[in-house]
Protein backbone atom coordinates (compact mmCIF):
# COMPACT_ATOMS: atom_id res chain seq x y z
CA MET A 1 80.39 105.30 105.42
CA LYS A 2 82.80 106.39 108.29
CA LYS A 3 85.22 103.41 107.39
CA LEU A 4 84.93 104.29 103.51
CA LEU A 5 85.94 108.11 104.71
CA SER A 6 88.61 106.21 106.79
CA VAL A 7 90.03 104.43 104.00
CA LEU A 8 90.14 106.83 101.21
CA LEU A 9 91.21 109.52 103.19
CA LEU A 10 90.41 112.56 100.96
CA VAL A 11 88.34 111.15 98.40
CA SER A 12 86.59 114.43 98.76
CA MET A 13 88.97 117.18 97.26
CA THR A 14 88.13 119.70 95.52
CA ALA A 15 88.27 119.35 91.61
CA SER A 16 91.03 122.51 91.44
CA LEU A 17 93.05 120.40 93.52
CA LEU A 18 92.94 117.46 91.15
CA ALA A 19 94.05 120.11 88.81
CA ALA A 20 96.86 121.13 90.96
CA CYS A 21 97.87 117.39 91.10
CA GLY A 22 97.61 116.69 87.00
CA SER A 23 100.30 120.09 86.48
CA SER A 24 103.17 118.65 88.94
CA LYS A 25 106.42 118.34 88.21
CA SER A 26 106.13 114.72 87.80
CA SER A 27 103.28 114.71 85.09
CA GLU A 28 105.32 116.98 83.02
CA SER A 29 108.05 114.43 83.43
CA THR A 30 105.42 111.76 82.41
CA GLU A 31 104.42 113.90 79.30
CA LYS A 32 107.85 114.41 78.30
CA GLY A 33 108.65 111.00 78.63
CA ALA A 34 106.03 110.02 76.43
CA ALA A 35 106.96 112.56 73.73
CA ASN A 36 110.44 110.83 73.96
CA GLU A 37 109.41 107.12 74.03
CA SER A 38 107.26 108.43 70.67
CA ALA A 39 110.46 109.92 69.19
CA GLY A 40 112.57 106.43 69.49
CA SER A 41 114.53 108.78 72.31
CA THR A 42 116.80 106.90 75.41
CA ALA A 43 114.23 109.13 77.80
CA THR A 44 112.42 106.05 78.12
CA LYS A 45 114.99 104.69 80.82
CA LYS A 46 113.86 107.39 83.17
CA VAL A 47 111.55 106.62 85.91
CA VAL A 48 110.18 109.33 88.45
CA ALA A 49 109.95 108.77 92.04
CA TRP A 50 107.84 110.60 94.73
CA ALA A 51 109.44 111.23 98.45
CA TRP A 52 110.08 112.94 101.37
CA ASP A 53 113.69 114.26 103.05
CA PRO A 54 116.03 115.15 100.30
CA SER A 55 118.78 114.12 102.42
CA PHE A 56 117.73 111.04 103.60
CA ASN A 57 115.09 109.02 101.56
CA GLY A 58 116.11 111.31 98.33
CA ALA A 59 119.65 110.99 98.97
CA ALA A 60 119.26 106.84 99.48
CA LEU A 61 117.60 107.02 95.76
CA LYS A 62 120.53 109.08 94.34
CA ILE A 63 122.91 106.40 95.58
CA ALA A 64 121.03 103.57 93.86
CA GLU A 65 120.64 105.42 90.97
CA GLU A 66 124.38 105.83 90.82
CA LEU A 67 124.59 101.94 91.37
CA TYR A 68 122.24 101.07 88.92
CA ALA A 69 123.26 103.22 86.07
CA LYS A 70 126.57 101.36 85.97
CA GLU A 71 125.09 98.19 84.38
CA ASN A 72 122.22 100.57 82.57
CA PRO A 73 124.02 103.05 80.70
CA GLY A 74 121.24 105.83 80.34
CA PHE A 75 119.15 105.36 83.10
CA GLU A 76 117.75 108.22 84.51
CA LEU A 77 115.83 109.06 88.30
CA GLU A 78 114.01 111.97 88.97
CA VAL A 79 113.30 112.51 92.39
CA VAL A 80 110.37 115.13 93.16
CA ASP A 81 110.56 116.03 96.93
CA MET A 82 107.69 117.02 98.84
CA ALA A 83 106.32 117.17 102.42
CA LYS A 84 104.94 113.54 103.63
CA THR A 85 101.69 115.02 104.43
CA ASP A 86 101.42 116.58 100.66
CA LEU A 87 102.88 113.25 99.00
CA GLU A 88 100.08 111.14 100.83
CA GLN A 89 97.39 113.98 100.09
CA LYS A 90 98.21 114.12 96.31
CA LEU A 91 98.69 110.37 96.19
CA ASN A 92 95.03 109.58 97.92
CA THR A 93 93.35 112.49 95.76
CA ASN A 94 94.31 111.06 92.81
CA LEU A 95 93.77 107.30 92.90
CA ALA A 96 90.65 107.83 94.62
CA ALA A 97 89.52 109.89 91.83
CA GLY A 98 90.64 107.53 89.07
CA VAL A 99 93.30 110.24 87.95
CA LYS A 100 96.35 108.43 86.59
CA GLU A 101 97.77 111.64 84.76
CA GLY A 102 100.64 113.00 87.18
CA LEU A 103 101.62 110.04 89.09
CA PRO A 104 105.25 108.86 89.40
CA ASP A 105 106.22 105.57 88.76
CA ILE A 106 107.38 104.92 92.33
CA ILE A 107 106.76 106.40 95.70
CA LEU A 108 107.43 106.04 99.54
CA VAL A 109 105.45 104.44 101.39
CA ASN A 110 105.34 104.85 105.65
CA ASP A 111 104.86 101.09 106.79
CA PRO A 112 101.57 101.49 108.83
CA ASN A 113 100.06 102.92 105.52
CA ILE A 114 100.69 99.68 103.71
CA GLN A 115 97.67 97.80 104.28
CA LYS A 116 95.45 100.75 103.60
CA TYR A 117 96.95 101.50 100.52
CA VAL A 118 96.36 97.98 99.20
CA THR A 119 93.42 97.46 100.32
CA ALA A 120 91.66 100.86 99.42
CA TYR A 121 93.24 100.83 96.02
CA PRO A 122 93.11 97.12 94.45
CA ASN A 123 95.41 96.71 91.51
CA THR A 124 97.17 100.03 91.84
CA PHE A 125 100.58 98.80 93.17
CA ALA A 126 102.76 96.31 91.73
CA ASP A 127 103.24 92.79 93.01
CA PHE A 128 107.08 92.32 94.08
CA THR A 129 106.90 88.47 95.19
CA ASP A 130 109.08 87.00 92.87
CA LYS A 131 111.03 89.99 92.27
CA VAL A 132 113.15 89.98 95.51
CA ASP A 133 114.55 87.26 97.63
CA PHE A 134 112.53 88.88 100.57
CA LYS A 135 114.53 85.82 102.99
CA GLN A 136 117.34 88.41 102.67
CA PHE A 137 115.50 90.80 104.84
CA SER A 138 114.59 90.99 108.44
CA GLN A 139 111.19 89.18 108.72
CA TYR A 140 108.86 92.01 110.23
CA LYS A 141 110.01 94.01 107.31
CA VAL A 142 108.53 91.26 104.96
CA ASP A 143 105.61 90.78 107.14
CA ALA A 144 104.55 94.47 107.24
CA LEU A 145 104.73 94.17 103.25
CA THR A 146 102.40 90.82 102.99
CA ILE A 147 98.62 90.96 102.15
CA ASP A 148 97.34 88.21 101.09
CA GLY A 149 100.14 86.06 100.46
CA LYS A 150 102.00 89.11 98.43
CA VAL A 151 104.67 91.01 98.55
CA TYR A 152 103.71 94.72 97.55
CA GLY A 153 107.03 96.80 97.31
CA VAL A 154 110.83 96.78 98.65
CA PRO A 155 111.66 97.39 102.79
CA PHE A 156 113.54 100.32 103.01
CA ASP A 157 115.02 101.78 106.27
CA ILE A 158 113.82 100.87 109.86
CA GLY A 159 113.49 101.72 112.92
CA VAL A 160 114.89 98.95 115.35
CA THR A 161 114.94 100.18 118.85
CA GLY A 162 117.38 100.13 121.47
CA MET A 163 117.65 101.53 124.92
CA PHE A 164 120.06 104.53 124.49
CA TYR A 165 121.79 105.13 127.91
CA ARG A 166 124.02 107.60 129.69
CA SER A 167 126.94 105.14 131.39
CA ASP A 168 128.36 107.65 133.52
CA TYR A 169 124.69 108.13 135.26
CA LEU A 170 124.21 104.35 135.57
CA GLU A 171 127.55 103.92 137.10
CA GLU A 172 127.15 106.69 139.43
CA ALA A 173 123.96 104.66 140.64
CA GLY A 174 126.29 101.38 140.72
CA TYR A 175 125.20 99.96 137.66
CA LYS A 176 127.22 98.08 135.21
CA ALA A 177 126.70 97.64 131.28
CA GLU A 178 125.46 94.08 131.87
CA ASP A 179 123.08 94.83 134.40
CA LEU A 180 121.02 96.62 131.49
CA GLU A 181 121.45 93.29 129.41
CA ASN A 182 117.84 91.63 128.72
CA ILE A 183 115.89 93.04 131.43
CA THR A 184 112.20 93.58 132.13
CA TRP A 185 110.44 96.80 132.12
CA ASP A 186 109.47 96.00 136.08
CA GLN A 187 113.30 96.16 136.41
CA TYR A 188 113.71 98.90 134.47
CA ILE A 189 111.67 100.78 136.76
CA GLU A 190 113.30 99.54 139.89
CA ILE A 191 116.49 100.83 138.32
CA GLY A 192 115.09 104.26 137.46
CA LYS A 193 114.32 104.32 141.37
CA VAL A 194 118.00 103.97 142.46
CA VAL A 195 119.08 106.40 139.46
CA LYS A 196 116.74 109.29 140.30
CA GLU A 197 117.95 108.58 144.10
CA LYS A 198 121.50 108.53 143.76
CA THR A 199 122.34 111.21 140.72
CA GLY A 200 118.65 112.85 140.54
CA LYS A 201 118.36 112.30 137.26
CA TYR A 202 115.10 111.15 135.77
CA MET A 203 115.49 107.49 134.02
CA ALA A 204 112.97 108.36 131.27
CA THR A 205 110.62 110.90 129.74
CA ILE A 206 107.24 110.54 129.40
CA ASN A 207 104.60 112.45 127.01
CA PRO A 208 100.76 111.63 127.43
CA ASN A 209 99.88 112.89 123.99
CA ASP A 210 102.41 110.34 122.30
CA GLU A 211 102.11 106.62 121.50
CA ALA A 212 105.37 106.22 120.69
CA LEU A 213 106.50 104.16 123.89
CA THR A 214 103.32 102.33 123.45
CA SER A 215 103.84 101.17 120.29
CA ILE A 216 107.20 100.26 120.85
CA LEU A 217 105.99 97.83 123.57
CA LEU A 218 102.97 96.42 121.52
CA GLN A 219 105.18 95.04 118.97
CA SER A 220 107.90 93.53 121.18
CA GLY A 221 104.68 91.39 122.79
CA GLY A 222 104.34 90.46 119.08
CA SER A 223 100.93 92.39 119.22
CA TRP A 224 99.38 95.61 117.93
CA TYR A 225 96.58 98.46 118.20
CA ILE A 226 94.15 96.67 115.76
CA THR A 227 94.04 92.77 114.95
CA PRO A 228 94.63 91.14 111.54
CA ASP A 229 91.11 91.51 110.36
CA ASN A 230 91.23 95.15 111.20
CA LYS A 231 89.63 94.78 114.49
CA GLY A 232 90.16 96.93 117.44
CA ASN A 233 92.69 94.57 119.81
CA PHE A 234 91.95 96.71 123.50
CA VAL A 235 89.90 93.80 124.89
CA ASP A 236 91.08 90.53 126.37
CA ASN A 237 94.78 91.43 124.43
CA PRO A 238 97.22 90.24 127.61
CA VAL A 239 99.88 92.57 125.63
CA MET A 240 97.76 95.82 125.40
CA THR A 241 96.98 95.23 129.32
CA ASP A 242 100.56 94.96 130.13
CA THR A 243 101.68 97.61 127.54
CA LEU A 244 99.40 100.27 129.91
CA ARG A 245 100.33 98.54 133.27
CA VAL A 246 104.07 99.21 132.29
CA TYR A 247 103.02 102.68 130.94
CA LYS A 248 101.42 103.81 133.64
CA GLY A 249 103.85 102.22 136.23
CA ILE A 250 106.74 104.38 134.75
CA SER A 251 104.61 107.95 135.51
CA ASP A 252 103.41 106.66 138.70
CA SER A 253 107.12 105.76 139.85
CA GLY A 254 108.28 109.37 139.39
CA ILE A 255 111.38 108.13 137.60
CA ALA A 256 110.16 109.53 134.21
CA LYS A 257 110.25 113.44 133.39
CA PRO A 258 107.00 114.93 131.75
CA VAL A 259 107.54 116.32 128.41
CA THR A 260 105.28 117.79 125.36
CA GLY A 261 106.46 117.56 121.99
CA TRP A 262 109.34 116.32 120.02
CA SER A 263 111.69 119.67 121.23
CA GLU A 264 111.13 119.10 124.99
CA PHE A 265 111.73 115.27 124.37
CA VAL A 266 115.24 115.96 122.59
CA GLY A 267 116.21 118.70 125.02
CA SER A 268 115.35 116.71 128.14
CA PHE A 269 118.40 114.19 126.72
CA ASN A 270 120.94 116.73 125.06
CA ALA A 271 120.30 119.11 128.31
CA GLY A 272 121.51 115.72 130.50
CA ASP A 273 118.30 115.44 132.32
CA VAL A 274 117.55 111.94 131.74
CA ALA A 275 119.65 108.59 132.01
CA THR A 276 117.68 106.41 129.10
CA VAL A 277 116.19 107.19 126.03
CA VAL A 278 114.16 104.07 124.29
CA SER A 279 113.69 104.58 120.93
CA GLY A 280 114.76 103.84 117.17
CA VAL A 281 117.97 103.58 115.72
CA TRP A 282 117.48 106.76 113.90
CA GLN A 283 117.53 108.58 117.33
CA ILE A 284 121.51 108.67 117.07
CA ALA A 285 121.55 111.90 115.32
CA SER A 286 119.70 113.57 117.64
CA ILE A 287 121.48 112.13 120.43
CA MET A 288 124.92 113.16 119.19
CA ASP A 289 123.75 116.74 118.78
CA ALA A 290 125.17 117.17 122.53
CA LYS A 291 128.95 116.61 121.29
CA ASP A 292 129.73 117.72 124.72
CA GLN A 293 128.68 114.47 125.67
CA SER A 294 130.41 112.20 123.64
CA GLY A 295 131.77 109.12 125.03
CA LYS A 296 129.08 109.26 127.74
CA TRP A 297 126.35 106.96 125.86
CA LYS A 298 126.16 103.47 125.05
CA VAL A 299 123.26 101.10 123.85
CA ALA A 300 121.39 98.05 125.26
CA PRO A 301 118.21 95.87 123.75
CA ILE A 302 115.10 97.46 125.19
CA PRO A 303 113.29 96.05 127.92
CA ARG A 304 110.79 93.55 127.71
CA LEU A 305 107.43 93.15 128.91
CA ASN A 306 105.93 90.77 131.13
CA VAL A 307 103.80 88.36 128.95
CA GLU A 308 104.62 85.18 127.47
CA GLY A 309 106.53 85.17 123.89
CA ALA A 310 107.88 88.98 124.50
CA VAL A 311 111.39 89.78 123.74
CA ASN A 312 114.09 92.65 123.97
CA ALA A 313 113.53 94.05 120.52
CA SER A 314 111.06 95.96 118.89
CA ASN A 315 110.73 98.47 116.19
CA GLU A 316 109.74 102.25 115.66
CA GLY A 317 109.04 104.07 112.28
CA GLY A 318 110.12 102.75 108.67
CA SER A 319 109.04 103.15 105.29
CA SER A 320 109.32 100.85 101.39
CA TRP A 321 109.36 101.57 98.29
CA PHE A 322 106.30 100.90 95.85
CA VAL A 323 106.30 100.81 92.12
CA LEU A 324 102.68 101.92 90.25
CA ASP A 325 101.15 98.82 88.47
CA GLY A 326 99.65 101.17 85.97
CA SER A 327 102.96 103.30 85.16
CA ALA A 328 104.39 102.89 81.99
CA ASN A 329 108.24 102.44 83.29
CA LYS A 330 106.68 99.48 85.69
CA ASP A 331 109.37 96.76 84.67
CA LEU A 332 111.87 99.48 84.67
CA ALA A 333 110.82 100.87 88.21
CA ILE A 334 110.87 97.26 89.65
CA ASP A 335 113.99 96.43 87.89
CA PHE A 336 116.07 99.22 89.56
CA LEU A 337 114.59 98.56 92.71
CA ALA A 338 114.96 95.06 92.86
CA LYS A 339 118.64 95.37 91.57
CA THR A 340 119.53 98.20 94.00
CA ILE A 341 117.54 98.54 97.55
CA GLY A 342 116.63 95.00 97.25
CA SER A 343 119.88 93.28 96.94
CA SER A 344 123.04 95.33 96.90
CA SER A 345 124.90 94.96 100.19
CA GLU A 346 127.09 98.13 98.83
CA PHE A 347 123.90 100.00 98.45
CA TYR A 348 123.36 99.72 102.41
CA GLU A 349 126.85 100.44 102.95
CA ARG A 350 126.81 103.72 101.41
CA PHE A 351 123.20 104.58 103.04
CA LEU A 352 124.57 104.19 106.34
CA ASN A 353 128.27 105.82 105.92
CA GLU A 354 126.61 108.58 103.75
CA ASN A 355 123.40 109.55 105.33
CA GLY A 356 123.11 107.47 108.55
CA GLY A 357 120.50 105.47 107.72
CA VAL A 358 119.97 101.37 108.54
CA GLY A 359 118.21 99.22 106.64
CA SER A 360 116.84 95.57 107.06
CA PHE A 361 118.90 93.75 104.60
CA ILE A 362 120.67 91.05 106.23
CA PRO A 363 123.68 90.18 103.98
CA SER A 364 124.94 93.78 104.21
CA PHE A 365 124.79 93.38 108.38
CA SER A 366 128.54 91.50 107.77
CA SER A 367 130.20 94.49 106.69
CA GLU A 368 132.40 96.26 107.52
CA ALA A 369 130.47 99.64 107.47
CA TYR A 370 128.21 97.93 110.06
CA SER A 371 130.98 96.64 112.34
CA GLN A 372 132.40 100.61 112.85
CA THR A 373 132.47 101.33 116.44
CA SER A 374 131.63 104.81 117.68
CA GLU A 375 133.79 107.20 120.13
CA PHE A 376 130.53 108.98 121.13
CA PHE A 377 129.00 105.80 122.00
CA GLY A 378 131.95 104.61 124.17
CA GLY A 379 133.72 102.38 121.48
CA GLN A 380 130.79 100.16 120.68
CA ALA A 381 129.77 98.79 117.48
CA ILE A 382 126.25 99.96 117.87
CA TYR A 383 125.25 99.32 114.30
CA SER A 384 126.24 95.96 114.83
CA ASP A 385 124.02 95.41 117.27
CA PHE A 386 121.07 97.32 116.15
CA THR A 387 121.12 94.93 113.46
CA LYS A 388 121.51 91.63 115.39
CA TRP A 389 118.15 93.35 117.21
CA SER A 390 116.44 93.61 113.84
CA THR A 391 116.27 90.29 113.38
CA GLU A 392 114.33 89.40 116.78
CA VAL A 393 111.64 91.80 116.03
CA PRO A 394 108.54 90.59 116.28
CA GLY A 395 106.35 90.74 113.12
CA ILE A 396 103.21 92.05 113.06
CA THR A 397 100.12 93.01 110.63
CA LEU A 398 99.98 96.95 111.24
CA GLY A 399 96.29 96.86 109.28
CA MET A 400 94.23 99.81 107.84
CA TYR A 401 93.20 101.51 111.04
CA THR A 402 96.44 102.32 112.52
CA GLN A 403 96.26 105.86 113.17
CA GLU A 404 92.48 105.37 114.28
CA ALA A 405 93.55 103.17 116.82
CA LYS A 406 96.07 105.64 118.32
CA ASP A 407 93.92 108.21 118.26
CA ALA A 408 91.14 106.46 120.30
CA LEU A 409 94.18 105.44 122.67
CA LYS A 410 95.69 108.98 123.23
CA ASN A 411 92.28 109.79 124.07
CA GLU A 412 92.25 107.47 126.76
CA LEU A 413 95.76 107.79 127.81
CA PRO A 414 94.93 110.98 130.42
CA ASN A 415 92.68 108.80 132.54
CA ILE A 416 94.38 105.75 132.62
CA LEU A 417 97.30 107.92 134.03
CA ASN A 418 95.32 110.30 136.57
CA GLY A 419 93.81 106.47 137.80
CA ALA A 420 91.19 105.02 135.88
CA ASP A 421 90.24 101.49 136.08
CA LEU A 422 92.50 99.65 133.47
CA THR A 423 89.53 97.50 132.24
CA GLN A 424 87.07 100.36 131.92
CA SER A 425 89.84 102.41 129.77
CA LEU A 426 90.53 99.38 127.33
CA ALA A 427 86.56 99.22 126.96
CA ASN A 428 86.15 103.01 126.12
CA ILE A 429 89.42 102.59 124.07
CA GLN A 430 87.62 99.81 121.91
CA LYS A 431 84.28 101.64 122.15
CA LEU A 432 85.74 104.78 120.37
CA PHE A 433 87.92 102.86 117.96
CA GLU A 434 84.98 101.07 116.47
CA GLN A 435 83.09 104.21 116.19
CA GLN A 436 85.47 105.99 113.97
CA VAL A 437 86.06 103.08 111.48
CA GLN A 438 82.12 101.69 111.34
């Protein structure tokens, strides 16, 4: 029963909420579309999409709409903006209750939710396997969309990671750019000790209530919190063991500034308190908020774990576009996504230039937009570097229970940092995870 609740999330929502969903803006659009279709109107060329963040995801769809409409006159896209949690709640509530009215044609899906949606709601999402040339995308993004040999949806933005660093701090400590290329986490810790001693600055931050760093480390080693068959992956997993060894090593070494929450995290590097930030490409905007630090930052590949197959590349975050299989405008929605976000270098060039978004469409990587240099980052062609690293990220199966696994880990992290036996802690995490999903 717990597993069923975990998968379906909000099946037990009240009838009043269902009614609210049915009366949403997108429901009104669907009804109008049906009326226009019966009258032979060109409104049948309209599709509706649900997304969050109008300045990023919504703006990207508007770029795609403009490009598609050039070859398809009369096409119209309505983007319904809502908070991410609200979008997921509405979608789950309607699908779990079998309510189709009021649902859009296109939805934005956070990558860790992909397998949960497709598995919990079979025959609900359109198969894109033969609609897009997925060899044109970074493999790890395609792997996240692939379930039982079928590819559901179109890859969108990525969170390929890098090690942002203050070049002035590192130089003061005696290090050059080449000293930070393709290093291990053990080397990173040793460099951090020297930086702390010679500059007084922390090498990084650490937040025991956040699993972002452990996620980055795990994927760089080709592993995840759960196995492809949705079992806990904490015990007898060398990548997990080394991930937590490194995490504790960073904490014990004294090179990390403790923070709690996003504001303290961003404030730490905007204030110049830390020398490096290991994060996704989307962190660029936050780093550049400190205008007085222009020219003092650069980016290197992330460090790697001390396990076989580990690489200096990983990912943090990202999303993809799905089409509902039962949508009245299914074919049009698929064609729209396939011919824009699924195949257009021009889309990705504009998405980067206008919104700072980075995708995984490989043909766009050689464009002028991606090769541009950044004065803030010391003249480095940072987007060219990030896209190169994106092709090196190991593909993994995110499974159905990523959030439950992360919650189990976070419950034990304080004990690990306080010196608990790692083997016992991993067993505790595994047990708690199994209790949550059984």
